[in-house]
């Protein structure tokens, strides 16, 4: 593997080494294993963030009075959240053959 790197005003080819993650066997300590185990999966984290945003938005709408549209956005918000989650997880797939292409990602945004 090679890439171009800029050094002292010029470009030179630099050899890259591909490393493989060896997990969990390669963990440095039990503490690092425990730390990773405490982290929520990305999908859970995104859904928690969306729920917190929806709750804050509902509070803002309620405090603004009865002049709102009356739509809580529950079902639409859910489908939008699922679409965004699908997009993010599709773009983050490790295997490039399974990862979404830019064209596929744009189609999901429609």
Foldseek 3Di string as FASTA:
>chain_A
DWDWDDDPNDIDIDDDDDDDDDPPVPPPDVVVVVVVVPDDPPLVVLVVVLVVVLVVVVVVVVVVPDPDPPDSCVVVSVVVSVLVSCLVVLCPDPDPVSHDDPVRSVVSVD
